[in-house]
Amino acid sequence: SNSQKVLDLLFPDEVVFGPISTGELFKNQLNFFPMGQVFKNLVDKGLYNEEEQRWSGAPDLSATAITAHENSLADFFNKIIECINNACGMVRPSRTWSTDSATCPLAGGGTARKPDMACWLTPGSEFDWRHLTTFAEVKNHGGKDKEKSSFIETAGKASCLLYMQDGHHAAPCFHILGSNIHLTIFDHSGSLSTCGYDINAQPYDFVCILVGITSTSIEILGFNTSIAWEWQECNGETVGIKTLDIHVDGIDLAIELNRVLFISNNLFGHGTMVWGGMMKNTQAKTREPVVVKDLWIDPLQKYTEGKILSILNMHKIEGVPTLICEQQVKAPNLSANAKSTVNSSTHFL
């Protein structure tokens, strides 16, 4: 099915269960564990009963169950994540799920939105949209009407997440309707959703979505890894400094992104982000204030914005910003043994 193709493309075993590190499972010649081996370990640990086709620690997700089962779901998710991390080795981020956001709106975003479940970038993160990896919505009933209303609610929160996090191009998340889990990916071109997978009857697909959303690297979750984070001590506090490396006329330059000047709050559009920064040339020992813009490339247009700027600069048109560099955003290629990078659909100016 198309949904299965999405999962296979986005969350192959080599991405979800690799690279191999020290863990409980026997290592193979691959640099990752296959799903069958990981799932057998979950069965051996007593987390899944193959005869009854159900998870031993999962709450009752039927339509007649109590409505407030987010806490037990979070505990259940965290047990699975912990078991898999122990089996495969702690090679992935140690993220967990919590339900604090279900009763208290997250800071930032300009609106009071409360995700039913939250997954943070790092343990102990501030209670703020800027520190959220992803989120999940939970409803105890399925059906087309619930699926539609849940999608609309999820879209609003995905829009808030992208608006609050500069350098975040896509927001994969999931919503649970009854006993079915649905993966949805939002970016500024639209959204893509899988069909519902029954958590108990289709455990492979459930584990794939849960671990893929929770424990994979940030580039899988839609973050722009061209922007590097550096942690520095400033007035007794540890602060994150964003930097972007560019290459101009054979010279390597580093741009420190000091502040966000603009970020689009439209879920669908060019996803424009603008930073004010300082460009440093270590060879010439110079510093120059610059503006950096990140936006989606429109493949239907003959010229990119950077090309238009370069033409205007060449004709010395007054009042037009001087283009220093235009480069396409690159992402790591996570396929096995691949060394090349992958072109993203956005570019820097």
Protein backbone atom coordinates (compact mmCIF):
# COMPACT_ATOMS: atom_id res chain seq x y z
CA SER A 1 0.00 0.00 0.00
CA ASN A 2 1.03 3.64 -0.32
CA SER A 3 1.09 4.00 3.48
CA GLN A 4 3.51 1.10 3.75
CA LYS A 5 5.74 2.65 1.10
CA VAL A 6 5.86 5.87 3.15
CA LEU A 7 6.98 3.98 6.27
CA ASP A 8 9.54 1.94 4.33
CA LEU A 9 10.99 5.08 2.76
CA LEU A 10 10.99 7.30 5.84
CA PHE A 11 11.78 4.74 8.55
CA PRO A 12 13.76 1.81 7.10
CA ASP A 13 15.38 -0.54 9.61
CA GLU A 14 18.82 0.96 8.95
CA VAL A 15 17.54 4.36 10.14
CA VAL A 16 15.31 3.24 13.01
CA PHE A 17 17.56 0.52 14.47
CA GLY A 18 21.04 1.67 13.57
CA PRO A 19 23.88 2.32 13.70
CA ILE A 20 24.81 -0.62 15.90
CA SER A 21 26.41 0.04 19.26
CA THR A 22 26.87 -1.94 22.47
CA GLY A 23 23.57 -3.55 23.42
CA GLU A 24 21.84 -6.75 24.47
CA LEU A 25 21.18 -8.06 20.96
CA PHE A 26 23.69 -10.19 19.09
CA LYS A 27 25.45 -8.12 16.44
CA ASN A 28 25.24 -9.05 12.78
CA GLN A 29 27.28 -8.10 9.73
CA LEU A 30 24.97 -5.18 9.01
CA ASN A 31 25.29 -1.84 10.75
CA PHE A 32 21.69 -2.05 11.97
CA PHE A 33 19.23 -4.53 13.46
CA PRO A 34 16.32 -5.84 11.36
CA MET A 35 12.81 -5.27 12.71
CA GLY A 36 12.25 -9.01 13.19
CA GLN A 37 15.19 -9.28 15.59
CA VAL A 38 14.16 -6.19 17.54
CA PHE A 39 10.53 -7.29 17.78
CA LYS A 40 11.50 -10.80 18.94
CA ASN A 41 13.36 -9.16 21.80
CA LEU A 42 10.19 -7.26 22.77
CA VAL A 43 8.33 -10.59 22.80
CA ASP A 44 11.08 -12.27 24.85
CA LYS A 45 10.95 -9.41 27.37
CA GLY A 46 7.21 -10.00 27.82
CA LEU A 47 6.08 -6.72 26.27
CA TYR A 48 4.09 -8.35 23.46
CA ASN A 49 1.97 -11.53 23.52
CA GLU A 50 2.01 -13.08 20.05
CA GLU A 51 -0.73 -15.62 20.81
CA GLU A 52 -3.18 -12.98 22.01
CA GLN A 53 -1.87 -10.33 19.59
CA ARG A 54 -1.70 -7.58 22.17
CA TRP A 55 0.81 -5.51 24.12
CA SER A 56 1.03 -6.45 27.78
CA GLY A 57 1.50 -2.90 29.02
CA ALA A 58 -0.87 -1.06 26.69
CA PRO A 59 -3.96 0.66 28.14
CA ASP A 60 -7.45 -0.21 26.94
CA LEU A 61 -7.87 1.76 23.72
CA SER A 62 -11.38 0.62 22.88
CA ALA A 63 -14.24 3.08 22.42
CA THR A 64 -15.68 2.07 25.81
CA ALA A 65 -12.45 2.77 27.70
CA ILE A 66 -12.00 5.77 29.94
CA THR A 67 -11.08 8.88 27.99
CA ALA A 68 -8.07 9.97 30.05
CA HIS A 69 -5.47 7.32 29.17
CA GLU A 70 -2.66 9.62 27.99
CA ASN A 71 -0.57 8.96 31.12
CA SER A 72 -0.69 5.18 30.73
CA LEU A 73 0.03 5.52 27.01
CA ALA A 74 3.12 7.64 27.71
CA ASP A 75 4.37 5.05 30.24
CA PHE A 76 3.72 2.28 27.70
CA PHE A 77 5.57 4.14 24.94
CA ASN A 78 8.54 4.84 27.21
CA LYS A 79 8.81 1.15 28.21
CA ILE A 80 9.04 0.13 24.57
CA ILE A 81 11.60 2.84 23.80
CA GLU A 82 13.70 1.87 26.82
CA CYS A 83 13.62 -1.83 25.91
CA ILE A 84 14.70 -1.12 22.32
CA ASN A 85 17.45 1.29 23.42
CA ASN A 86 18.81 -1.33 25.82
CA ALA A 87 18.68 -3.99 23.13
CA CYS A 88 20.25 -1.97 20.32
CA GLY A 89 22.59 0.11 22.44
CA MET A 90 22.20 3.75 23.41
CA VAL A 91 23.00 5.06 19.96
CA ARG A 92 19.89 7.22 19.60
CA PRO A 93 18.70 10.30 21.47
CA SER A 94 17.28 9.42 24.89
CA ARG A 95 13.93 11.11 24.29
CA THR A 96 10.80 10.14 26.21
CA TRP A 97 7.10 10.98 26.17
CA SER A 98 5.26 13.01 28.80
CA THR A 99 1.72 14.29 29.29
CA ASP A 100 2.38 17.54 31.18
CA SER A 101 1.32 19.49 28.09
CA ALA A 102 -2.15 17.90 28.15
CA THR A 103 -3.23 20.12 31.05
CA CYS A 104 -0.93 23.13 30.74
CA PRO A 105 -0.41 25.09 27.49
CA LEU A 106 3.15 25.29 26.24
CA ALA A 107 4.86 28.67 26.38
CA GLY A 108 5.36 30.58 23.16
CA GLY A 109 3.35 30.31 19.99
CA GLY A 110 1.04 33.19 20.82
CA THR A 111 -1.87 30.84 21.50
CA ALA A 112 -2.91 28.38 24.20
CA ARG A 113 -2.40 24.97 22.61
CA LYS A 114 -2.05 21.79 24.65
CA PRO A 115 -0.67 18.69 22.90
CA ASP A 116 -2.00 15.50 24.51
CA MET A 117 1.52 14.05 24.56
CA ALA A 118 4.89 15.74 24.11
CA CYS A 119 8.34 14.48 23.17
CA TRP A 120 11.16 16.88 24.09
CA LEU A 121 14.45 17.51 22.28
CA THR A 122 16.44 16.82 25.44
CA PRO A 123 15.53 15.63 28.96
CA GLY A 124 14.59 18.50 31.25
CA SER A 125 13.81 20.90 28.41
CA GLU A 126 11.94 24.11 29.14
CA PHE A 127 8.15 23.90 28.86
CA ASP A 128 8.15 25.72 25.54
CA TRP A 129 7.27 24.99 21.90
CA ARG A 130 10.87 25.83 20.98
CA HIS A 131 12.12 22.75 22.84
CA LEU A 132 9.61 20.24 21.49
CA THR A 133 10.71 17.43 19.15
CA THR A 134 7.22 16.32 18.24
CA PHE A 135 3.80 15.65 19.74
CA ALA A 136 0.85 13.25 19.59
CA GLU A 137 -2.91 13.62 19.82
CA VAL A 138 -5.07 10.94 21.44
CA LYS A 139 -8.78 10.22 20.93
CA ASN A 140 -10.62 7.17 22.23
CA HIS A 141 -12.89 6.91 19.17
CA GLY A 142 -12.08 6.28 15.51
CA GLY A 143 -14.16 6.89 12.41
CA LYS A 144 -14.04 9.39 9.55
CA ASP A 145 -15.48 12.30 11.56
CA LYS A 146 -12.96 11.84 14.38
CA GLU A 147 -10.16 11.38 11.88
CA LYS A 148 -11.02 14.69 10.22
CA SER A 149 -11.36 16.67 13.46
CA SER A 150 -8.17 15.14 14.85
CA PHE A 151 -6.29 16.06 11.67
CA ILE A 152 -7.45 19.69 11.89
CA GLU A 153 -6.38 19.88 15.54
CA THR A 154 -3.03 18.28 14.76
CA ALA A 155 -2.44 20.66 11.84
CA GLY A 156 -2.93 23.67 14.12
CA LYS A 157 -0.32 22.40 16.55
CA ALA A 158 2.10 21.45 13.76
CA SER A 159 1.78 25.01 12.44
CA CYS A 160 2.63 26.34 15.90
CA LEU A 161 5.64 24.02 16.16
CA LEU A 162 7.08 25.10 12.80
CA TYR A 163 6.43 28.77 13.56
CA MET A 164 8.29 28.58 16.87
CA GLN A 165 11.35 26.69 15.60
CA ASP A 166 13.56 28.38 13.03
CA GLY A 167 15.40 25.86 10.91
CA HIS A 168 12.61 23.29 11.25
CA HIS A 169 11.23 22.45 7.79
CA ALA A 170 8.84 19.58 8.51
CA ALA A 171 6.85 18.29 11.47
CA PRO A 172 6.21 14.53 11.58
CA CYS A 173 3.80 13.58 14.36
CA PHE A 174 1.08 11.03 15.02
CA HIS A 175 -2.45 10.86 16.32
CA ILE A 176 -4.14 7.87 17.93
CA LEU A 177 -7.82 7.21 17.24
CA GLY A 178 -9.08 4.34 19.34
CA SER A 179 -6.49 1.59 18.88
CA ASN A 180 -5.18 2.94 15.55
CA ILE A 181 -2.08 5.07 15.12
CA HIS A 182 -1.80 7.47 12.16
CA LEU A 183 1.48 9.07 11.08
CA THR A 184 1.16 12.56 9.58
CA ILE A 185 3.96 14.70 8.16
CA PHE A 186 3.40 18.43 7.75
CA ASP A 187 5.64 20.74 5.79
CA HIS A 188 5.09 24.00 3.96
CA SER A 189 3.97 22.23 0.78
CA GLY A 190 1.14 20.30 2.44
CA SER A 191 0.72 17.14 4.47
CA LEU A 192 0.98 13.39 4.06
CA SER A 193 -0.83 10.88 6.28
CA THR A 194 -0.70 7.12 6.47
CA CYS A 195 -3.70 4.91 7.05
CA GLY A 196 -4.41 3.83 10.60
CA TYR A 197 -2.39 0.90 11.96
CA ASP A 198 -3.88 -1.11 14.82
CA ILE A 199 -1.40 -0.92 17.69
CA ASN A 200 -2.06 -4.50 18.79
CA ALA A 201 -2.80 -6.27 15.50
CA GLN A 202 -0.05 -4.53 13.48
CA PRO A 203 2.81 -4.25 15.99
CA TYR A 204 5.61 -3.94 13.42
CA ASP A 205 4.10 -0.81 11.91
CA PHE A 206 3.32 0.63 15.34
CA VAL A 207 6.92 0.13 16.54
CA CYS A 208 8.23 1.61 13.29
CA ILE A 209 6.18 4.80 13.76
CA LEU A 210 6.84 5.13 17.50
CA VAL A 211 10.60 4.62 17.34
CA GLY A 212 10.91 6.56 14.09
CA ILE A 213 9.21 9.61 15.58
CA THR A 214 10.84 9.34 19.02
CA SER A 215 14.39 8.16 18.58
CA THR A 216 15.72 8.96 15.12
CA SER A 217 18.14 11.77 14.33
CA ILE A 218 16.90 15.33 13.93
CA GLU A 219 17.30 15.40 10.14
CA ILE A 220 14.66 12.65 9.90
CA LEU A 221 12.36 14.86 11.98
CA GLY A 222 12.64 17.77 9.56
CA PHE A 223 15.37 19.89 11.16
CA ASN A 224 17.82 21.71 8.90
CA THR A 225 21.21 20.25 9.80
CA SER A 226 23.03 22.83 7.66
CA ILE A 227 22.61 25.05 10.71
CA ALA A 228 25.03 23.90 13.40
CA TRP A 229 24.56 24.41 17.13
CA GLU A 230 27.46 25.39 19.33
CA TRP A 231 27.11 25.57 23.10
CA GLN A 232 28.96 28.40 24.82
CA GLU A 233 29.15 29.83 28.33
CA CYS A 234 27.71 33.35 28.52
CA ASN A 235 27.37 35.17 31.87
CA GLY A 236 27.36 31.90 33.75
CA GLU A 237 24.71 30.31 31.50
CA THR A 238 25.05 27.79 28.69
CA VAL A 239 23.55 29.22 25.51
CA GLY A 240 23.13 27.73 22.05
CA ILE A 241 24.78 29.60 19.17
CA LYS A 242 23.53 28.86 15.65
CA THR A 243 26.09 28.98 12.85
CA LEU A 244 25.94 28.49 9.09
CA ASP A 245 29.03 27.72 7.00
CA ILE A 246 29.19 29.01 3.42
CA HIS A 247 31.80 28.87 0.66
CA VAL A 248 32.35 32.01 -1.45
CA ASP A 249 35.07 32.40 -4.10
CA GLY A 250 37.21 29.68 -2.58
CA ILE A 251 36.91 31.10 0.93
CA ASP A 252 35.15 29.38 3.83
CA LEU A 253 32.99 31.78 5.84
CA ALA A 254 31.01 31.25 9.04
CA ILE A 255 27.80 33.14 9.78
CA GLU A 256 26.64 33.41 13.36
CA LEU A 257 22.83 33.63 13.33
CA ASN A 258 22.17 36.06 16.17
CA ARG A 259 18.42 36.63 15.96
CA VAL A 260 15.31 35.72 14.02
CA LEU A 261 14.04 38.69 12.01
CA PHE A 262 11.06 36.94 10.44
CA ILE A 263 9.49 33.51 10.32
CA SER A 264 6.33 32.70 8.39
CA ASN A 265 3.36 31.59 10.48
CA ASN A 266 1.59 30.06 7.47
CA LEU A 267 1.59 26.28 7.46
CA PHE A 268 1.39 26.18 3.66
CA GLY A 269 3.65 28.50 1.67
CA HIS A 270 7.34 29.15 1.10
CA GLY A 271 8.25 28.62 4.76
CA THR A 272 10.32 31.79 4.76
CA MET A 273 12.75 32.33 7.64
CA VAL A 274 15.06 35.34 7.98
CA TRP A 275 17.93 35.78 10.43
CA GLY A 276 20.21 38.66 11.27
CA GLY A 277 23.79 37.50 11.68
CA MET A 278 27.48 38.25 11.65
CA MET A 279 29.68 36.83 8.88
CA LYS A 280 33.21 36.02 9.99
CA ASN A 281 36.21 35.59 7.73
CA THR A 282 38.89 33.91 9.83
CA GLN A 283 41.56 34.41 7.15
CA ALA A 284 41.05 38.16 6.76
CA LYS A 285 39.91 38.50 10.39
CA THR A 286 36.84 40.52 9.40
CA ARG A 287 33.27 40.61 10.69
CA GLU A 288 30.35 41.90 8.65
CA PRO A 289 26.62 42.08 9.47
CA VAL A 290 24.47 40.09 7.03
CA VAL A 291 20.92 38.87 6.55
CA VAL A 292 20.26 35.18 5.85
CA LYS A 293 17.06 33.97 4.23
CA ASP A 294 15.82 30.39 3.98
CA LEU A 295 12.83 29.55 1.80
CA TRP A 296 11.40 26.83 -0.39
CA ILE A 297 12.48 26.63 -4.01
CA ASP A 298 9.61 26.94 -6.47
CA PRO A 299 10.47 24.46 -9.27
CA LEU A 300 7.86 26.06 -11.55
CA GLN A 301 9.72 29.38 -11.63
CA LYS A 302 12.47 29.95 -14.21
CA TYR A 303 14.74 31.80 -11.77
CA THR A 304 15.36 31.43 -8.06
CA GLU A 305 15.33 34.51 -5.87
CA GLY A 306 19.11 34.34 -5.65
CA LYS A 307 19.47 34.32 -9.43
CA ILE A 308 17.19 37.35 -9.70
CA LEU A 309 19.24 39.20 -7.07
CA SER A 310 22.49 38.39 -8.89
CA ILE A 311 21.07 39.77 -12.16
CA LEU A 312 19.96 42.97 -10.44
CA ASN A 313 23.37 43.30 -8.75
CA MET A 314 25.12 42.79 -12.08
CA HIS A 315 23.14 45.70 -13.55
CA LYS A 316 23.92 47.80 -10.45
CA ILE A 317 20.28 48.46 -9.60
CA GLU A 318 20.11 50.76 -6.57
CA GLY A 319 18.27 49.73 -3.41
CA VAL A 320 18.71 46.00 -4.04
CA PRO A 321 20.48 43.87 -1.38
CA THR A 322 23.89 42.55 -2.37
CA LEU A 323 23.85 38.78 -2.83
CA ILE A 324 26.82 37.13 -1.15
CA CYS A 325 25.91 33.51 -1.68
CA GLU A 326 23.06 31.22 -2.67
CA GLN A 327 23.22 27.56 -1.75
CA GLN A 328 20.79 24.68 -1.65
CA VAL A 329 20.15 23.07 1.71
CA LYS A 330 21.75 19.64 1.93
CA ALA A 331 20.67 16.77 4.16
CA PRO A 332 22.58 13.62 5.12
CA ASN A 333 21.81 10.58 2.98
CA LEU A 334 20.73 7.96 5.49
CA SER A 335 20.66 5.04 3.07
CA ALA A 336 23.07 2.23 3.85
CA ASN A 337 26.67 2.92 2.75
CA ALA A 338 25.67 6.18 1.05
CA LYS A 339 28.24 8.97 1.30
CA SER A 340 26.56 11.64 -0.83
CA THR A 341 24.19 14.25 0.55
CA VAL A 342 20.59 14.79 -0.52
CA ASN A 343 19.25 18.04 -1.92
CA SER A 344 16.41 19.51 0.11
CA SER A 345 13.65 21.67 -1.34
CA THR A 346 14.92 24.87 0.31
CA HIS A 347 17.84 27.22 -0.22
CA PHE A 348 19.78 29.87 1.67
CA LEU A 349 20.34 33.42 0.45
